[in-house]
Amino acid sequence: MGLGESGTRAEIPAIKVRQWLNMWTDVQFDPKTHRRRPDEYFYIFTIPAPQLRALCGIYRRTTAGGTLRSADLGIQRRHDPSRSDEIREYVQFGYPWSDLGAAKRASGEFNDLRKPGWLPTSIVVNILKRGDPREGRQPAEEDLVEVKDLSDQEAIIQLPSTFTGSGWKPKEITPVEVIDGQHRLWAFEDAKFAKDFGLPVVAFHGLDLSWQAYLFWTINIKPKRINASLAFDLYPLLRTEDWLERFEGHSVYRETRAQELTEALWAHPDSPWHRRINMLGEPGPGPRMVTQAAWVRSLMATYVKKWEGPGVQIGGLFGAPAGQNERVLQWSRPQQAAFLIQVWDYVKETIQSCHDQWAKALREEAPQVTIEGEVDAAFAGPHTLLNTDQGVRGVLYITNDLCYVRADDLELASWIVEDHATAVDEKVVTQSRRSLEKQPVSGFLEKIAKALAKYDWRASSAESLSEEERTLKLAFRGSGGYRELRRLLLKHLSGVTGVVSHAATAVTEALGY
């Protein structure tokens, strides 16, 4: 394919493939849920890899300069540079030479192992139609890729009139989105050795976002090619897909993720709950600990929930769309773990420095709790609500809900961390936490913690309670206790001043308390 002269469009011949069954007209199409009816055709063609990469604009995520919006359009999946580096080596030298270490390559002894690095599998993309919005933006008119149907079997793909090849940059956003194959495509960034290396492409035209997520799932997850839990980091939109929820159930994302995060809180040395969660649920003579099952249930009811209920817009930060754009936060497992550790660290620190009567009473009633080091009895002693199922859920409710209603002001979607791994990867969680400390939400969480420290966290078992106070605390027992503690905590926070009060009031109104 040759590029056109200035002001003309380069054209690529394409095969037009009709894949449509009449019975598909019964499928529920809904533009409001990003599932408008798709075209009945897709297209197959070939294009040099560096040129396709330029048209697709797969952005390497970075916090450099603090500007992330241009590189984070809400639909691009997470990119692992190491995977693309491996593919680049394979393309040049084939397998197994591409896997050899530097010393073996330099020796020349294994040169006979070099082979062609074919990539015969199609890159699956979507060509944006005129007016397709992405985070309130769309391609400039001169940057659009046009699809011209010639017959039932043939079509022409017209590249932008401004297109200059692999170094081309769009005026606004790029006109093509990658659905599957981004790591293969990114392998050709600055790949001068492969300027004419053609890639087969399957292109949809104007395919809505939910259908893109659906295709990604059926290509990568249904055949069990990659870990299902990882898929929700690669394509966060999957977290809110109702078809996936109904088919797979909670275990696909919410239950599995809640268990991973609980393990992270238990395992990470910087966590206030390090070795202080009863992971096996066994009774014992030692200090009281909330069970893993209780933590999982609480996380599923708060951070990892989808919606609070019909018509109530308080979802879980890790599992529901947040903000005015109703966007799913693209936080990975280490980011989610780091966020929870930061929440509880602020709570622990503010409780330790609290000298209100309730805290002093708990310290006098119980000796310091020792599990791999001393911990404040007001925070994790035998008579504090903070060390109970109800108290854990109460803190998770409050921090999730208040951050959820202020997602835009706190710029939660702008917190991007390059590395991604499992939630219990200590190094990556630590790096994510350091990054989080520089975000606006960190200061907000600290303000919430300071306000929570003013609440009376004594459990009904505390000896210092009056009979009237004990009766009130007994209301937190049972399943109804979660709602009651949440209501009282919101009432308490609404009485403080500043942004915490405003957020608590907004949550209270949304919940109808």
Protein backbone atom coordinates (compact mmCIF):
# COMPACT_ATOMS: atom_id res chain seq x y z
CA MET A 1 0.00 0.00 0.00
CA GLY A 2 1.41 3.39 -0.97
CA LEU A 3 0.54 6.60 0.84
CA GLY A 4 -1.36 9.21 -1.13
CA GLU A 5 -0.15 12.65 -2.09
CA SER A 6 -0.95 15.59 0.20
CA GLY A 7 -4.71 16.11 0.38
CA THR A 8 -5.53 12.64 -1.02
CA ARG A 9 -6.42 9.46 0.80
CA ALA A 10 -4.41 6.25 0.66
CA GLU A 11 -6.72 3.31 0.03
CA ILE A 12 -6.56 -0.28 1.23
CA PRO A 13 -8.61 -3.00 -0.49
CA ALA A 14 -10.64 -5.03 1.98
CA ILE A 15 -12.76 -8.15 1.98
CA LYS A 16 -16.25 -7.51 3.28
CA VAL A 17 -17.50 -10.31 5.54
CA ARG A 18 -21.19 -10.59 6.36
CA GLN A 19 -21.67 -12.32 9.69
CA TRP A 20 -25.26 -11.85 10.69
CA LEU A 21 -28.14 -14.18 11.49
CA ASN A 22 -31.74 -13.10 11.30
CA MET A 23 -32.32 -14.45 14.80
CA TRP A 24 -29.84 -11.86 16.11
CA THR A 25 -32.54 -9.22 15.65
CA ASP A 26 -33.98 -10.56 18.93
CA VAL A 27 -30.82 -9.51 20.81
CA GLN A 28 -31.44 -6.59 23.18
CA PHE A 29 -29.60 -3.63 21.66
CA ASP A 30 -29.38 -0.50 23.79
CA PRO A 31 -27.23 2.58 23.03
CA LYS A 32 -27.63 3.72 26.66
CA THR A 33 -25.62 0.69 27.83
CA HIS A 34 -23.04 1.06 25.01
CA ARG A 35 -24.67 -1.75 23.03
CA ARG A 36 -26.17 -0.12 19.98
CA ARG A 37 -26.95 -2.45 17.10
CA PRO A 38 -23.72 -3.27 15.23
CA ASP A 39 -23.26 -3.35 11.47
CA GLU A 40 -23.86 -6.68 9.79
CA TYR A 41 -20.39 -6.66 8.21
CA PHE A 42 -16.77 -6.58 9.31
CA TYR A 43 -13.72 -6.17 7.09
CA ILE A 44 -10.46 -8.06 6.52
CA PHE A 45 -7.35 -6.38 5.12
CA THR A 46 -3.60 -6.05 5.63
CA ILE A 47 -1.52 -3.01 6.52
CA PRO A 48 2.12 -2.46 7.57
CA ALA A 49 2.37 -2.87 11.34
CA PRO A 50 3.97 0.55 12.13
CA GLN A 51 1.22 2.33 10.18
CA LEU A 52 -1.56 0.46 11.99
CA ARG A 53 0.09 1.29 15.29
CA ALA A 54 0.03 4.99 14.41
CA LEU A 55 -3.65 4.84 13.45
CA CYS A 56 -4.54 2.98 16.66
CA GLY A 57 -2.54 5.12 19.02
CA ILE A 58 -2.00 2.60 21.80
CA TYR A 59 -0.59 4.87 24.46
CA ARG A 60 2.07 3.85 26.94
CA ARG A 61 0.65 4.87 30.31
CA THR A 62 2.82 7.25 32.30
CA THR A 63 2.53 9.81 35.06
CA ALA A 64 5.24 12.01 33.52
CA GLY A 65 4.19 15.63 33.42
CA GLY A 66 0.99 14.88 35.28
CA THR A 67 -1.07 14.91 32.05
CA LEU A 68 -2.92 11.69 31.50
CA ARG A 69 -6.21 12.52 29.81
CA SER A 70 -4.85 12.39 26.26
CA ALA A 71 -3.44 8.93 26.87
CA ASP A 72 -6.31 7.54 28.89
CA LEU A 73 -9.53 7.51 26.92
CA GLY A 74 -11.32 5.02 29.11
CA ILE A 75 -11.37 2.25 26.49
CA GLN A 76 -7.69 1.53 25.98
CA ARG A 77 -6.64 -1.56 27.88
CA ARG A 78 -3.63 -1.78 30.15
CA HIS A 79 -0.35 -2.33 28.37
CA ASP A 80 2.51 -4.48 29.67
CA PRO A 81 5.69 -3.27 27.89
CA SER A 82 7.57 -6.48 28.70
CA ARG A 83 5.10 -8.56 26.68
CA SER A 84 5.55 -6.32 23.65
CA ASP A 85 9.34 -6.49 24.06
CA GLU A 86 9.16 -10.30 23.97
CA ILE A 87 7.06 -10.20 20.81
CA ARG A 88 9.50 -7.77 19.16
CA GLU A 89 12.36 -10.19 19.83
CA TYR A 90 10.33 -13.09 18.49
CA VAL A 91 9.43 -11.23 15.26
CA GLN A 92 13.11 -10.52 14.54
CA PHE A 93 14.65 -13.84 15.50
CA GLY A 94 11.91 -16.44 15.92
CA TYR A 95 11.76 -19.09 18.62
CA PRO A 96 13.74 -20.32 20.53
CA TRP A 97 16.51 -17.81 19.70
CA SER A 98 14.39 -14.94 21.02
CA ASP A 99 14.39 -16.56 24.47
CA LEU A 100 18.16 -16.95 24.73
CA GLY A 101 20.18 -14.86 27.14
CA ALA A 102 22.58 -12.13 25.97
CA ALA A 103 25.69 -14.28 26.44
CA LYS A 104 24.37 -17.17 24.35
CA ARG A 105 23.28 -14.80 21.58
CA ALA A 106 26.68 -13.12 21.47
CA SER A 107 28.52 -16.44 21.31
CA GLY A 108 27.24 -17.17 17.79
CA GLU A 109 26.94 -20.81 18.79
CA PHE A 110 23.16 -20.75 18.54
CA ASN A 111 22.70 -18.75 15.32
CA ASP A 112 21.26 -21.83 13.65
CA LEU A 113 18.23 -21.44 15.92
CA ARG A 114 17.10 -18.23 14.23
CA LYS A 115 13.78 -18.57 12.46
CA PRO A 116 11.05 -16.34 10.97
CA GLY A 117 8.82 -14.71 13.58
CA TRP A 118 5.44 -14.95 11.87
CA LEU A 119 2.34 -13.29 13.37
CA PRO A 120 -0.46 -14.82 11.29
CA THR A 121 -3.25 -14.12 13.78
CA SER A 122 -5.38 -11.07 13.02
CA ILE A 123 -5.32 -7.86 15.02
CA VAL A 124 -8.95 -7.06 15.86
CA VAL A 125 -9.81 -3.36 15.74
CA ASN A 126 -12.73 -0.97 15.61
CA ILE A 127 -12.83 1.96 13.18
CA LEU A 128 -14.64 4.88 14.77
CA LYS A 129 -17.57 6.33 12.91
CA ARG A 130 -18.14 10.04 12.56
CA GLY A 131 -19.51 11.36 15.87
CA ASP A 132 -18.52 8.36 18.01
CA PRO A 133 -17.75 9.88 21.44
CA ARG A 134 -14.88 8.79 23.65
CA GLU A 135 -14.83 10.59 27.01
CA GLY A 136 -16.51 13.56 25.35
CA ARG A 137 -14.01 13.61 22.47
CA GLN A 138 -13.97 12.26 18.94
CA PRO A 139 -11.55 12.13 16.00
CA ALA A 140 -11.11 15.32 14.00
CA GLU A 141 -12.86 15.26 10.64
CA GLU A 142 -9.57 15.14 8.74
CA ASP A 143 -8.36 12.22 10.89
CA LEU A 144 -11.28 9.89 10.19
CA VAL A 145 -10.79 6.54 8.49
CA GLU A 146 -13.56 6.06 5.93
CA VAL A 147 -15.05 2.70 4.92
CA LYS A 148 -16.46 2.57 1.39
CA ASP A 149 -18.51 -0.49 0.43
CA LEU A 150 -18.06 -1.49 -3.21
CA SER A 151 -20.20 -4.65 -3.23
CA ASP A 152 -21.34 -7.42 -0.92
CA GLN A 153 -17.80 -8.82 -0.92
CA GLU A 154 -15.49 -5.85 -1.46
CA ALA A 155 -14.74 -2.54 0.23
CA ILE A 156 -12.11 0.18 0.37
CA ILE A 157 -10.55 1.47 3.59
CA GLN A 158 -9.58 5.11 3.10
CA LEU A 159 -6.90 6.40 5.46
CA PRO A 160 -6.98 10.01 6.72
CA SER A 161 -5.97 12.65 4.17
CA THR A 162 -3.38 13.85 6.66
CA PHE A 163 -1.87 10.41 7.22
CA THR A 164 1.91 10.32 6.73
CA GLY A 165 2.79 6.84 7.94
CA SER A 166 4.28 5.47 11.14
CA GLY A 167 5.12 8.91 12.56
CA TRP A 168 1.62 10.32 12.06
CA LYS A 169 -0.12 12.03 14.99
CA PRO A 170 -3.85 12.82 15.02
CA LYS A 171 -5.23 16.27 15.75
CA GLU A 172 -7.53 14.88 18.44
CA ILE A 173 -7.91 11.19 19.28
CA THR A 174 -6.90 8.34 17.01
CA PRO A 175 -9.56 6.97 14.62
CA VAL A 176 -8.98 3.27 15.33
CA GLU A 177 -9.30 1.29 18.59
CA VAL A 178 -7.64 -2.05 19.32
CA ILE A 179 -9.96 -4.76 20.61
CA ASP A 180 -7.45 -7.61 20.62
CA GLY A 181 -3.75 -7.70 19.77
CA GLN A 182 -2.43 -4.52 21.36
CA HIS A 183 0.75 -6.13 22.68
CA ARG A 184 1.58 -7.49 19.23
CA LEU A 185 0.95 -4.07 17.73
CA TRP A 186 2.99 -2.15 20.30
CA ALA A 187 5.94 -4.39 19.47
CA PHE A 188 6.31 -2.30 16.31
CA GLU A 189 6.83 1.02 18.06
CA ASP A 190 10.01 2.49 16.57
CA ALA A 191 10.51 -0.78 14.68
CA LYS A 192 12.50 0.48 11.70
CA PHE A 193 13.44 -3.11 10.88
CA ALA A 194 9.79 -3.89 10.08
CA LYS A 195 8.41 -0.89 8.21
CA ASP A 196 6.86 -3.18 5.57
CA PHE A 197 5.89 -6.01 7.94
CA GLY A 198 2.22 -6.61 7.12
CA LEU A 199 -0.35 -7.59 9.70
CA PRO A 200 -3.72 -9.18 8.99
CA VAL A 201 -6.54 -7.08 10.40
CA VAL A 202 -10.17 -7.78 11.23
CA ALA A 203 -11.92 -4.41 11.47
CA PHE A 204 -15.35 -3.61 12.82
CA HIS A 205 -16.89 -0.26 11.98
CA GLY A 206 -18.54 1.76 14.75
CA LEU A 207 -18.66 -1.13 17.21
CA ASP A 208 -19.97 0.07 20.57
CA LEU A 209 -17.83 -0.24 23.72
CA SER A 210 -19.77 -3.01 25.41
CA TRP A 211 -19.50 -5.19 22.30
CA GLN A 212 -15.76 -4.57 22.26
CA ALA A 213 -15.47 -5.84 25.84
CA TYR A 214 -17.64 -8.81 24.89
CA LEU A 215 -15.34 -9.67 21.97
CA PHE A 216 -12.26 -9.39 24.18
CA TRP A 217 -13.82 -11.81 26.67
CA THR A 218 -14.86 -14.38 24.06
CA ILE A 219 -11.47 -14.23 22.31
CA ASN A 220 -9.23 -14.32 25.38
CA ILE A 221 -11.13 -15.61 28.40
CA LYS A 222 -13.75 -18.06 27.16
CA PRO A 223 -11.08 -20.37 25.69
CA LYS A 224 -9.18 -19.96 29.03
CA ARG A 225 -6.18 -18.38 27.34
CA ILE A 226 -5.51 -15.86 30.12
CA ASN A 227 -6.42 -15.62 33.80
CA ALA A 228 -10.01 -14.40 34.20
CA SER A 229 -9.23 -12.20 37.19
CA LEU A 230 -6.47 -10.44 35.24
CA ALA A 231 -8.96 -9.72 32.47
CA PHE A 232 -10.81 -7.27 34.69
CA ASP A 233 -7.62 -5.23 34.99
CA LEU A 234 -6.92 -5.42 31.26
CA TYR A 235 -10.48 -4.44 30.33
CA PRO A 236 -12.16 -2.77 33.34
CA LEU A 237 -15.45 -2.34 31.45
CA LEU A 238 -16.00 -6.08 31.97
CA ARG A 239 -16.58 -5.40 35.68
CA THR A 240 -19.98 -3.87 34.87
CA GLU A 241 -21.20 -6.17 32.11
CA ASP A 242 -24.55 -7.61 33.21
CA TRP A 243 -24.37 -10.59 30.83
CA LEU A 244 -21.15 -11.66 32.52
CA GLU A 245 -22.63 -11.13 35.97
CA ARG A 246 -25.66 -13.30 35.21
CA PHE A 247 -23.70 -16.06 33.48
CA GLU A 248 -20.64 -16.38 35.71
CA GLY A 249 -21.95 -15.06 39.02
CA HIS A 250 -20.06 -13.19 41.73
CA SER A 251 -17.02 -15.46 41.58
CA VAL A 252 -15.78 -14.00 38.30
CA TYR A 253 -14.84 -10.64 39.70
CA ARG A 254 -16.31 -9.54 43.00
CA GLU A 255 -15.81 -12.58 45.20
CA THR A 256 -12.41 -13.45 43.77
CA ARG A 257 -11.18 -9.87 43.96
CA ALA A 258 -12.47 -9.44 47.53
CA GLN A 259 -10.53 -12.52 48.61
CA GLU A 260 -7.35 -11.27 46.88
CA LEU A 261 -7.63 -7.90 48.60
CA THR A 262 -8.23 -9.52 51.98
CA GLU A 263 -5.09 -11.58 51.52
CA ALA A 264 -3.18 -8.42 50.59
CA LEU A 265 -4.33 -6.68 53.80
CA TRP A 266 -3.21 -9.73 55.78
CA ALA A 267 0.11 -10.28 53.98
CA HIS A 268 1.56 -6.83 53.28
CA PRO A 269 3.96 -5.75 56.08
CA ASP A 270 2.77 -2.12 55.89
CA SER A 271 -0.88 -3.06 56.37
CA PRO A 272 -2.42 -2.28 59.79
CA TRP A 273 -4.03 -5.73 59.52
CA HIS A 274 -0.75 -7.56 58.81
CA ARG A 275 -1.21 -11.04 60.31
CA ARG A 276 -4.31 -9.73 62.13
CA ILE A 277 -7.00 -11.35 59.99
CA ASN A 278 -8.23 -14.84 60.87
CA MET A 279 -7.62 -16.36 57.44
CA LEU A 280 -8.84 -19.86 58.35
CA GLY A 281 -11.81 -18.87 60.49
CA GLU A 282 -10.58 -20.98 63.39
CA PRO A 283 -11.45 -20.10 67.00
CA GLY A 284 -8.49 -19.67 69.27
CA PRO A 285 -7.30 -18.36 72.63
CA GLY A 286 -5.32 -15.49 71.12
CA PRO A 287 -6.37 -11.89 70.43
CA ARG A 288 -9.67 -11.43 68.63
CA MET A 289 -9.43 -11.12 64.85
CA VAL A 290 -12.07 -10.59 62.18
CA THR A 291 -12.31 -13.62 59.88
CA GLN A 292 -11.33 -13.68 56.23
CA ALA A 293 -14.94 -14.57 55.34
CA ALA A 294 -16.20 -11.45 57.12
CA TRP A 295 -13.66 -9.26 55.30
CA VAL A 296 -14.64 -10.77 51.94
CA ARG A 297 -18.35 -10.17 52.62
CA SER A 298 -17.66 -6.60 53.69
CA LEU A 299 -15.56 -5.82 50.62
CA MET A 300 -18.25 -7.29 48.37
CA ALA A 301 -20.80 -5.06 50.09
CA THR A 302 -18.67 -1.94 49.70
CA TYR A 303 -15.68 -1.45 47.39
CA VAL A 304 -16.32 -4.40 45.09
CA LYS A 305 -20.09 -4.07 44.77
CA LYS A 306 -21.74 -3.01 41.53
CA TRP A 307 -24.75 -0.96 42.67
CA GLU A 308 -26.38 -0.19 45.97
CA GLY A 309 -29.83 -0.82 44.53
CA PRO A 310 -32.34 0.35 41.92
CA GLY A 311 -32.13 4.11 41.48
CA VAL A 312 -29.42 4.61 44.12
CA GLN A 313 -26.15 5.85 42.69
CA ILE A 314 -23.65 4.65 45.31
CA GLY A 315 -21.56 1.91 43.78
CA GLY A 316 -18.26 0.28 44.66
CA LEU A 317 -15.09 2.11 43.63
CA PHE A 318 -13.56 -1.14 42.38
CA GLY A 319 -16.61 -2.48 40.56
CA ALA A 320 -19.00 0.23 39.38
CA PRO A 321 -18.81 3.23 37.04
CA ALA A 322 -18.09 6.43 38.96
CA GLY A 323 -18.20 10.14 38.19
CA GLN A 324 -20.22 12.19 35.75
CA ASN A 325 -18.88 10.19 32.82
CA GLU A 326 -19.99 6.93 34.50
CA ARG A 327 -16.57 5.50 33.96
CA VAL A 328 -15.11 2.34 35.48
CA LEU A 329 -11.88 3.17 37.33
CA GLN A 330 -9.02 1.33 35.66
CA TRP A 331 -7.25 0.54 38.91
CA SER A 332 -5.32 -2.72 38.94
CA ARG A 333 -5.19 -5.19 41.82
CA PRO A 334 -2.06 -3.63 43.37
CA GLN A 335 -3.67 -0.18 43.17
CA GLN A 336 -6.82 -1.44 44.86
CA ALA A 337 -4.78 -3.14 47.59
CA ALA A 338 -2.68 0.01 48.08
CA PHE A 339 -5.82 2.12 48.39
CA LEU A 340 -7.26 -0.09 51.15
CA ILE A 341 -3.95 -0.20 53.02
CA GLN A 342 -3.78 3.59 52.88
CA VAL A 343 -7.36 3.90 54.15
CA TRP A 344 -6.67 1.73 57.17
CA ASP A 345 -3.26 3.22 57.85
CA TYR A 346 -4.81 6.68 58.18
CA VAL A 347 -7.48 5.25 60.49
CA LYS A 348 -4.88 3.49 62.63
CA GLU A 349 -2.67 6.59 62.89
CA THR A 350 -5.52 8.93 63.84
CA ILE A 351 -6.86 6.46 66.42
CA GLN A 352 -3.40 6.10 67.97
CA SER A 353 -3.11 9.86 68.37
CA CYS A 354 -6.68 10.17 69.68
CA HIS A 355 -7.01 10.97 73.39
CA ASP A 356 -10.80 11.22 73.57
CA GLN A 357 -12.47 9.54 76.51
CA TRP A 358 -13.64 6.49 74.55
CA ALA A 359 -10.09 5.72 73.37
CA LYS A 360 -8.50 6.23 76.79
CA ALA A 361 -11.13 3.96 78.35
CA LEU A 362 -10.35 1.12 75.95
CA ARG A 363 -6.62 1.42 76.59
CA GLU A 364 -7.23 1.22 80.33
CA GLU A 365 -9.53 -1.81 80.03
CA ALA A 366 -7.32 -4.01 77.86
CA PRO A 367 -3.57 -4.56 77.61
CA GLN A 368 -1.84 -3.82 74.33
CA VAL A 369 -2.64 -6.52 71.77
CA THR A 370 0.48 -8.33 70.61
CA ILE A 371 0.63 -10.13 67.27
CA GLU A 372 4.04 -9.57 65.72
CA GLY A 373 4.28 -6.27 67.58
CA GLU A 374 2.04 -4.14 69.76
CA VAL A 375 -1.08 -2.46 68.47
CA ASP A 376 -3.27 0.18 70.08
CA ALA A 377 -6.17 -1.39 71.99
CA ALA A 378 -8.42 1.42 70.76
CA PHE A 379 -7.78 0.28 67.19
CA ALA A 380 -7.53 -3.52 67.37
CA GLY A 381 -8.24 -4.47 70.98
CA PRO A 382 -10.95 -6.84 72.22
CA HIS A 383 -13.52 -4.10 72.97
CA THR A 384 -13.30 -1.80 69.94
CA LEU A 385 -15.81 -1.90 67.09
CA LEU A 386 -12.96 -1.33 64.66
CA ASN A 387 -11.85 -4.90 65.32
CA THR A 388 -15.27 -6.39 64.58
CA ASP A 389 -17.16 -7.37 61.45
CA GLN A 390 -19.48 -4.38 61.90
CA GLY A 391 -16.68 -1.87 62.41
CA VAL A 392 -14.65 -3.11 59.45
CA ARG A 393 -17.65 -2.80 57.19
CA GLY A 394 -18.50 0.61 58.63
CA VAL A 395 -15.09 2.05 57.73
CA LEU A 396 -15.21 0.43 54.29
CA TYR A 397 -18.70 1.82 53.69
CA ILE A 398 -17.74 5.36 54.66
CA THR A 399 -14.47 5.60 52.76
CA ASN A 400 -15.93 3.98 49.64
CA ASP A 401 -19.14 6.03 49.64
CA LEU A 402 -17.55 9.42 50.26
CA CYS A 403 -14.86 8.88 47.63
CA TYR A 404 -17.45 7.56 45.18
CA VAL A 405 -19.60 10.70 45.29
CA ARG A 406 -16.47 12.88 44.90
CA ALA A 407 -14.78 10.75 42.22
CA ASP A 408 -14.48 13.62 39.75
CA ASP A 409 -13.23 16.21 42.26
CA LEU A 410 -10.66 13.75 43.58
CA GLU A 411 -9.48 12.92 40.04
CA LEU A 412 -9.65 9.21 40.81
CA ALA A 413 -9.55 8.25 37.12
CA SER A 414 -6.22 10.05 36.73
CA TRP A 415 -4.37 7.77 39.14
CA ILE A 416 -2.43 5.54 36.76
CA VAL A 417 0.30 3.10 37.80
CA GLU A 418 2.44 1.54 35.07
CA ASP A 419 3.13 -1.76 36.81
CA HIS A 420 0.43 -4.32 37.35
CA ALA A 421 0.61 -7.68 39.05
CA THR A 422 -1.27 -9.66 41.68
CA ALA A 423 -2.79 -7.93 44.69
CA VAL A 424 -0.27 -9.66 46.95
CA ASP A 425 2.81 -8.55 44.99
CA GLU A 426 4.47 -6.67 47.86
CA LYS A 427 6.81 -4.59 45.72
CA VAL A 428 4.16 -3.35 43.27
CA VAL A 429 1.64 -2.66 46.06
CA THR A 430 4.27 -0.58 47.86
CA GLN A 431 5.04 1.36 44.67
CA SER A 432 1.33 1.95 44.12
CA ARG A 433 0.95 3.26 47.63
CA ARG A 434 3.79 5.75 47.19
CA SER A 435 2.10 6.94 44.02
CA LEU A 436 -1.25 7.21 45.82
CA GLU A 437 0.21 9.49 48.48
CA LYS A 438 0.70 12.14 45.77
CA GLN A 439 -2.94 12.01 44.65
CA PRO A 440 -5.71 14.41 45.82
CA VAL A 441 -7.66 11.51 47.31
CA SER A 442 -4.91 10.82 49.85
CA GLY A 443 -5.55 14.07 51.70
CA PHE A 444 -9.29 13.43 51.58
CA LEU A 445 -8.86 9.98 53.14
CA GLU A 446 -6.78 11.51 55.93
CA LYS A 447 -9.56 14.03 56.67
CA ILE A 448 -12.12 11.22 56.79
CA ALA A 449 -9.92 9.26 59.21
CA LYS A 450 -9.52 12.26 61.52
CA ALA A 451 -13.28 12.73 61.59
CA LEU A 452 -13.87 9.02 62.24
CA ALA A 453 -11.49 9.13 65.22
CA LYS A 454 -13.97 11.45 66.96
CA TYR A 455 -16.64 8.75 66.88
CA ASP A 456 -17.10 6.52 69.94
CA TRP A 457 -15.85 3.15 68.70
CA ARG A 458 -16.41 1.23 71.95
CA ALA A 459 -18.15 -2.12 71.43
CA SER A 460 -21.00 -3.28 73.65
CA SER A 461 -18.49 -5.41 75.62
CA ALA A 462 -16.58 -2.35 76.85
CA GLU A 463 -16.77 -2.07 80.64
CA SER A 464 -16.77 1.74 80.61
CA LEU A 465 -20.15 2.00 78.86
CA SER A 466 -23.22 3.10 80.75
CA GLU A 467 -26.30 0.89 80.44
CA GLU A 468 -27.89 3.36 78.04
CA GLU A 469 -24.75 3.46 75.90
CA ARG A 470 -24.51 -0.34 75.95
CA THR A 471 -28.09 -0.65 74.74
CA LEU A 472 -27.32 1.64 71.81
CA LYS A 473 -24.22 -0.37 70.93
CA LEU A 474 -26.18 -3.63 70.97
CA ALA A 475 -28.13 -2.31 67.98
CA PHE A 476 -25.05 -3.00 65.84
CA ARG A 477 -25.41 -6.75 66.29
CA GLY A 478 -27.00 -8.84 63.55
CA SER A 479 -27.39 -8.06 59.87
CA GLY A 480 -29.29 -4.86 60.60
CA GLY A 481 -26.31 -3.54 62.53
CA TYR A 482 -24.38 -2.80 59.35
CA ARG A 483 -27.00 -0.36 58.14
CA GLU A 484 -27.41 1.26 61.53
CA LEU A 485 -23.68 1.85 62.03
CA ARG A 486 -23.40 3.21 58.50
CA ARG A 487 -26.26 5.61 59.17
CA LEU A 488 -24.77 6.83 62.45
CA LEU A 489 -21.32 7.26 60.96
CA LEU A 490 -22.76 9.34 58.12
CA LYS A 491 -24.69 11.41 60.66
CA HIS A 492 -21.50 11.92 62.67
CA LEU A 493 -19.50 12.98 59.59
CA SER A 494 -22.25 15.29 58.39
CA GLY A 495 -21.75 17.25 61.60
CA VAL A 496 -18.12 18.11 60.90
CA THR A 497 -17.05 20.96 58.61
CA GLY A 498 -15.59 21.04 55.10
CA VAL A 499 -15.53 18.57 52.22
CA VAL A 500 -16.04 15.51 54.42
CA SER A 501 -19.33 16.92 55.71
CA HIS A 502 -20.51 17.78 52.20
CA ALA A 503 -19.70 14.32 50.91
CA ALA A 504 -21.38 12.61 53.88
CA THR A 505 -24.51 14.68 53.33
CA ALA A 506 -24.55 13.74 49.64
CA VAL A 507 -24.26 10.03 50.51
CA THR A 508 -26.99 10.32 53.14
CA GLU A 509 -29.36 11.88 50.63
CA ALA A 510 -28.52 9.27 47.97
CA LEU A 511 -29.23 6.44 50.41
CA GLY A 512 -32.45 8.03 51.63
CA TYR A 513 -31.43 7.97 55.30
